[in-house]
Amino acid sequence: MKAAAMKNETQSALVARDAAIILLLIWAFMQALLMIWAPADTQTTYLLLLFLMDIAVLCGFMDRVNTGTALAATITCGWVAYKLYSFYAVGETVHLTDYFVTVLPLLGSGAAALFSRSMRHVNAENKLLRRQVDEQVLVDDVTELYNLRAMYRDAQMMTGYCVRNHLPISLMIIQMRYESELHGMLSHSRYIQLRKRLAELVMDSVRVEDKVYCIDEHGTMAILLTSNEANSAYVRSRIIAAVTKEDAFDGILERGTHMDLRFACKEYDEHFGKDMMAFKKAVESELAYDV
């Protein structure tokens, strides 16, 4: 029901937007006719009125609907009062173009306000859809590894499976020890390359059955290991060996700059239950002891 209502509102907003565009085209065409048909002695007056109308329309586009409408109404009322006075007091002829001026201000400002209102609704829906898409994204856009949301999902499934089958499962978290310094030292593109390269090295150092995740924008990674905490030391040693090779970060880090990592690992215990956030926090608390 809610989705259907949103769809109907969007369709109405798109129809309103199209109608506003058509009205604006009519308004622009009438302005052109006004200047083509205007008597020579009134063209300066019409130019001044068109300038004021354009201001009213711009106010409508800038979400200043009340200001634009008030200005358009003032132009219309002022013009009608002036022409009535000229007709009855002076006997001046009312031309066809004079009738255009009574319609154009409200037509233009109304069309602009309608367009602005419809686009505001469309933009709000686009933001909502973007937020919903972001909430469903499970892949880190830099490293192309699964992200924190995916890790929580997989951790619940894997811990449940391992508990039922009496198998060990551990969570290892890896941080760059001097991440802020590296981020400040490297250009943005080099920093992105650094994160990608580190992810590749970690991926190459684990078994196929182990799952690697990038869990924040600072390059912190998590690994769900199908082993106990003691055996995770082998994974740690393989990762350290991979990142400390001389050519591990060639073209990214200057010679003599080494990648230093912090590790924390904890085996899952049933007292965590399905609270994967508490399990992750318990592992993160161990990072402080890796000095």
Protein backbone atom coordinates (compact mmCIF):
# COMPACT_ATOMS: atom_id res chain seq x y z
CA MET A 1 0.00 0.00 0.00
CA LYS A 2 2.77 2.40 0.98
CA ALA A 3 4.78 1.61 -2.16
CA ALA A 4 1.69 2.06 -4.34
CA ALA A 5 0.94 5.42 -2.71
CA MET A 6 4.52 6.57 -3.23
CA LYS A 7 4.36 5.50 -6.87
CA ASN A 8 1.12 7.46 -7.38
CA GLU A 9 2.65 10.54 -5.73
CA THR A 10 5.68 10.27 -7.97
CA GLN A 11 3.51 9.96 -11.07
CA SER A 12 1.54 13.02 -9.99
CA ALA A 13 4.77 14.94 -9.41
CA LEU A 14 6.06 14.01 -12.87
CA VAL A 15 2.78 15.06 -14.48
CA ALA A 16 2.94 18.37 -12.58
CA ARG A 17 6.53 18.87 -13.71
CA ASP A 18 5.60 18.28 -17.37
CA ALA A 19 2.62 20.61 -17.07
CA ALA A 20 4.87 23.28 -15.54
CA ILE A 21 7.33 22.96 -18.42
CA ILE A 22 4.51 23.38 -20.97
CA LEU A 23 3.20 26.44 -19.11
CA LEU A 24 6.70 27.94 -19.03
CA LEU A 25 7.02 27.40 -22.80
CA ILE A 26 3.68 29.13 -23.33
CA TRP A 27 4.82 31.95 -21.04
CA ALA A 28 8.07 32.40 -23.00
CA PHE A 29 6.16 32.32 -26.33
CA MET A 30 3.72 34.98 -25.08
CA GLN A 31 6.64 37.14 -24.00
CA ALA A 32 8.07 36.92 -27.51
CA LEU A 33 4.68 37.83 -29.03
CA LEU A 34 4.37 40.71 -26.59
CA MET A 35 7.60 42.29 -27.86
CA ILE A 36 6.80 41.56 -31.52
CA TRP A 37 3.32 43.07 -31.41
CA ALA A 38 4.08 45.88 -28.95
CA PRO A 39 3.66 49.44 -30.30
CA ALA A 40 6.95 51.24 -30.57
CA ASP A 41 6.11 53.76 -27.87
CA THR A 42 5.38 51.04 -25.26
CA GLN A 43 8.32 48.67 -25.82
CA THR A 44 10.44 50.23 -23.07
CA THR A 45 7.57 49.85 -20.59
CA TYR A 46 7.08 46.22 -21.64
CA LEU A 47 10.79 45.49 -21.25
CA LEU A 48 10.69 46.80 -17.69
CA LEU A 49 7.61 44.68 -16.95
CA LEU A 50 9.26 41.58 -18.46
CA PHE A 51 12.30 42.15 -16.27
CA LEU A 52 10.08 42.24 -13.17
CA MET A 53 8.23 39.11 -14.37
CA ASP A 54 11.52 37.27 -14.78
CA ILE A 55 12.42 38.13 -11.19
CA ALA A 56 9.08 36.69 -10.03
CA VAL A 57 9.71 33.50 -12.01
CA LEU A 58 13.23 33.16 -10.62
CA CYS A 59 11.78 33.47 -7.11
CA GLY A 60 9.51 30.53 -7.95
CA PHE A 61 12.46 28.43 -9.11
CA MET A 62 14.40 29.32 -5.96
CA ASP A 63 11.59 28.09 -3.66
CA ARG A 64 10.64 31.69 -2.82
CA VAL A 65 7.08 30.98 -3.90
CA ASN A 66 5.41 33.55 -1.65
CA THR A 67 7.81 36.27 -2.76
CA GLY A 68 7.38 35.38 -6.44
CA THR A 69 3.58 35.23 -6.19
CA ALA A 70 3.42 38.55 -4.30
CA LEU A 71 5.62 40.23 -6.90
CA ALA A 72 3.58 38.79 -9.79
CA ALA A 73 0.31 39.87 -8.16
CA THR A 74 1.74 43.35 -7.56
CA ILE A 75 2.77 43.64 -11.22
CA THR A 76 -0.65 42.50 -12.39
CA CYS A 77 -2.62 44.74 -10.03
CA GLY A 78 -0.40 47.72 -10.72
CA TRP A 79 -0.65 47.22 -14.46
CA VAL A 80 -4.45 46.79 -14.43
CA ALA A 81 -4.87 49.89 -12.26
CA TYR A 82 -2.58 51.90 -14.54
CA LYS A 83 -4.41 50.83 -17.72
CA LEU A 84 -7.85 51.49 -16.21
CA TYR A 85 -6.74 54.95 -15.18
CA SER A 86 -5.26 55.60 -18.64
CA PHE A 87 -8.43 54.38 -20.34
CA TYR A 88 -10.99 56.27 -18.25
CA ALA A 89 -9.02 59.39 -17.34
CA VAL A 90 -6.92 59.93 -20.45
CA GLY A 91 -8.82 57.91 -23.03
CA GLU A 92 -5.76 55.86 -24.00
CA THR A 93 -6.44 52.85 -26.20
CA VAL A 94 -6.03 49.40 -24.64
CA HIS A 95 -3.99 47.20 -26.98
CA LEU A 96 -4.13 43.40 -27.25
CA THR A 97 -0.61 43.23 -25.79
CA ASP A 98 -1.87 44.98 -22.66
CA TYR A 99 -4.05 41.95 -21.92
CA PHE A 100 -0.97 39.73 -22.22
CA VAL A 101 0.70 41.65 -19.41
CA THR A 102 -2.21 40.95 -17.06
CA VAL A 103 -1.78 37.18 -17.56
CA LEU A 104 1.98 36.72 -17.91
CA PRO A 105 3.19 37.49 -14.35
CA LEU A 106 0.92 34.98 -12.58
CA LEU A 107 1.30 32.43 -15.38
CA GLY A 108 5.11 32.51 -15.17
CA SER A 109 5.39 32.56 -11.37
CA GLY A 110 2.72 29.85 -11.02
CA ALA A 111 4.46 27.60 -13.55
CA ALA A 112 7.83 28.10 -11.82
CA ALA A 113 6.32 27.35 -8.41
CA LEU A 114 4.64 24.20 -9.77
CA PHE A 115 7.90 23.05 -11.35
CA SER A 116 9.88 23.72 -8.15
CA ARG A 117 7.32 21.89 -6.00
CA SER A 118 7.22 18.84 -8.28
CA MET A 119 11.02 18.64 -8.48
CA ARG A 120 11.26 18.92 -4.70
CA HIS A 121 9.08 15.83 -4.40
CA VAL A 122 11.07 13.96 -7.06
CA ASN A 123 14.40 14.88 -5.40
CA ALA A 124 13.10 13.78 -2.00
CA GLU A 125 12.12 10.42 -3.43
CA ASN A 126 15.49 10.06 -5.16
CA LYS A 127 17.24 10.70 -1.83
CA LEU A 128 15.02 8.09 -0.17
CA LEU A 129 15.77 5.56 -2.89
CA ARG A 130 19.51 6.30 -2.68
CA ARG A 131 19.43 5.81 1.09
CA GLN A 132 17.54 2.53 0.67
CA VAL A 133 20.06 1.34 -1.94
CA ASP A 134 22.97 2.30 0.32
CA GLU A 135 21.38 0.30 3.14
CA GLN A 136 21.25 -2.76 0.89
CA VAL A 137 24.82 -2.47 -0.43
CA LEU A 138 27.00 -5.26 0.96
CA VAL A 139 30.26 -4.48 -0.87
CA ASP A 140 32.93 -1.91 0.00
CA ASP A 141 33.39 0.32 -3.05
CA VAL A 142 37.17 0.66 -2.62
CA THR A 143 38.38 -2.86 -1.85
CA GLU A 144 35.41 -4.70 -3.41
CA LEU A 145 35.28 -6.87 -0.29
CA TYR A 146 32.08 -7.48 1.60
CA ASN A 147 31.37 -4.73 4.15
CA LEU A 148 30.40 -4.64 7.83
CA ARG A 149 26.71 -5.26 7.14
CA ALA A 150 27.59 -8.41 5.21
CA MET A 151 29.92 -9.51 8.00
CA TYR A 152 27.14 -9.30 10.61
CA ARG A 153 24.84 -11.28 8.33
CA ASP A 154 27.41 -13.98 7.58
CA ALA A 155 28.62 -14.14 11.19
CA GLN A 156 25.15 -14.98 12.44
CA MET A 157 24.77 -17.78 9.90
CA MET A 158 28.29 -19.19 10.35
CA THR A 159 28.27 -19.10 14.16
CA GLY A 160 24.91 -20.84 14.18
CA TYR A 161 26.22 -23.54 11.83
CA CYS A 162 29.44 -24.01 13.83
CA VAL A 163 27.58 -24.24 17.16
CA ARG A 164 25.24 -26.89 15.81
CA ASN A 165 28.14 -28.90 14.41
CA HIS A 166 30.55 -28.27 17.32
CA LEU A 167 33.08 -26.50 15.10
CA PRO A 168 35.31 -23.59 16.11
CA ILE A 169 34.93 -20.15 14.54
CA SER A 170 36.98 -17.04 15.26
CA LEU A 171 36.86 -13.40 14.29
CA MET A 172 40.12 -11.64 13.46
CA ILE A 173 40.29 -7.85 13.03
CA ILE A 174 43.21 -6.16 11.27
CA GLN A 175 44.02 -2.45 11.42
CA MET A 176 46.74 -0.34 9.89
CA ARG A 177 48.73 0.82 12.90
CA TYR A 178 49.57 4.24 11.44
CA GLU A 179 46.53 4.68 9.20
CA SER A 180 46.01 8.39 9.91
CA GLU A 181 49.68 9.16 9.19
CA LEU A 182 49.61 7.18 5.94
CA HIS A 183 46.36 8.88 4.93
CA GLY A 184 47.92 12.29 5.49
CA MET A 185 51.17 11.39 3.76
CA LEU A 186 49.68 9.83 0.61
CA SER A 187 47.56 11.44 -2.06
CA HIS A 188 43.95 10.31 -2.22
CA SER A 189 44.59 8.04 -5.22
CA ARG A 190 47.66 6.48 -3.58
CA TYR A 191 45.70 5.91 -0.37
CA ILE A 192 42.97 4.12 -2.34
CA GLN A 193 45.64 1.99 -4.03
CA LEU A 194 47.12 1.21 -0.61
CA ARG A 195 43.79 -0.05 0.70
CA LYS A 196 43.22 -2.14 -2.42
CA ARG A 197 46.69 -3.66 -2.28
CA LEU A 198 46.40 -4.48 1.41
CA ALA A 199 43.04 -6.17 0.78
CA GLU A 200 44.58 -8.24 -2.01
CA LEU A 201 47.48 -9.35 0.20
CA VAL A 202 45.13 -10.36 3.02
CA MET A 203 42.87 -12.22 0.60
CA ASP A 204 45.84 -14.14 -0.79
CA SER A 205 46.94 -15.10 2.72
CA VAL A 206 43.77 -16.83 3.91
CA ARG A 207 42.09 -20.08 3.00
CA VAL A 208 39.21 -20.24 0.55
CA GLU A 209 36.75 -21.14 3.30
CA ASP A 210 37.71 -18.07 5.38
CA LYS A 211 35.80 -14.86 4.62
CA VAL A 212 37.43 -11.42 4.49
CA TYR A 213 35.56 -8.14 4.98
CA CYS A 214 36.40 -4.44 4.88
CA ILE A 215 34.47 -2.98 7.79
CA ASP A 216 35.20 0.76 7.65
CA GLU A 217 36.55 3.54 5.45
CA HIS A 218 39.95 3.40 7.16
CA GLY A 219 40.85 0.02 5.67
CA THR A 220 40.11 -2.03 8.78
CA MET A 221 39.45 -5.65 7.82
CA ALA A 222 37.79 -8.57 9.53
CA ILE A 223 38.21 -12.27 8.82
CA LEU A 224 35.79 -15.00 9.85
CA LEU A 225 38.09 -17.97 10.41
CA THR A 226 36.86 -21.53 10.60
CA SER A 227 39.49 -22.34 13.22
CA ASN A 228 40.12 -21.77 16.89
CA GLU A 229 41.97 -18.80 18.33
CA ALA A 230 45.27 -20.70 18.65
CA ASN A 231 45.36 -21.69 14.97
CA SER A 232 44.60 -18.12 13.90
CA ALA A 233 48.26 -17.35 14.68
CA TYR A 234 49.21 -19.09 11.42
CA VAL A 235 46.92 -16.74 9.48
CA ARG A 236 48.46 -13.78 11.24
CA SER A 237 51.99 -14.90 10.38
CA ARG A 238 51.10 -15.40 6.70
CA ILE A 239 49.58 -11.92 6.48
CA ILE A 240 52.60 -10.32 8.18
CA ALA A 241 54.93 -12.16 5.80
CA ALA A 242 52.92 -10.94 2.81
CA VAL A 243 52.79 -7.26 3.76
CA THR A 244 56.43 -7.04 4.86
CA LYS A 245 57.86 -8.17 1.52
CA GLU A 246 60.00 -5.49 -0.05
CA ASP A 247 57.87 -5.25 -3.19
CA ALA A 248 54.49 -5.62 -1.43
CA PHE A 249 53.58 -1.95 -1.91
CA ASP A 250 55.84 -0.96 -4.80
CA GLY A 251 54.59 2.17 -6.53
CA ILE A 252 52.44 3.09 -3.53
CA LEU A 253 54.73 3.51 -0.52
CA GLU A 254 58.19 5.01 -0.66
CA ARG A 255 61.13 2.71 -0.09
CA GLY A 256 61.80 2.46 3.61
CA THR A 257 58.15 2.99 4.56
CA HIS A 258 56.77 -0.18 6.06
CA MET A 259 53.22 -1.35 6.55
CA ASP A 260 52.61 -2.17 10.20
CA LEU A 261 49.42 -3.90 11.25
CA ARG A 262 47.58 -4.48 14.50
CA PHE A 263 45.81 -7.79 15.05
CA ALA A 264 43.13 -9.01 17.41
CA CYS A 265 41.41 -12.37 17.35
CA LYS A 266 38.83 -14.04 19.52
CA GLU A 267 37.05 -17.36 19.29
CA TYR A 268 33.26 -17.27 19.34
CA ASP A 269 31.65 -18.23 22.60
CA GLU A 270 28.00 -19.22 22.98
CA HIS A 271 27.40 -16.51 25.57
CA PHE A 272 27.46 -13.97 22.72
CA GLY A 273 24.36 -15.64 21.31
CA LYS A 274 23.24 -13.83 18.14
CA ASP A 275 24.73 -10.52 19.26
CA MET A 276 27.42 -10.19 16.61
CA MET A 277 28.00 -6.56 17.52
CA ALA A 278 29.04 -7.57 21.04
CA PHE A 279 31.29 -10.29 19.54
CA LYS A 280 32.96 -7.68 17.30
CA LYS A 281 33.36 -5.22 20.18
CA ALA A 282 35.02 -7.94 22.27
CA VAL A 283 37.54 -8.54 19.50
CA GLU A 284 38.17 -4.82 18.99
CA SER A 285 38.93 -4.44 22.69
CA GLU A 286 41.85 -6.82 22.17
CA LEU A 287 43.44 -4.46 19.62
CA ALA A 288 44.64 -2.20 22.41
CA TYR A 289 46.93 -4.99 23.66
CA ASP A 290 48.68 -5.43 20.28
CA VAL A 291 51.48 -2.93 20.77
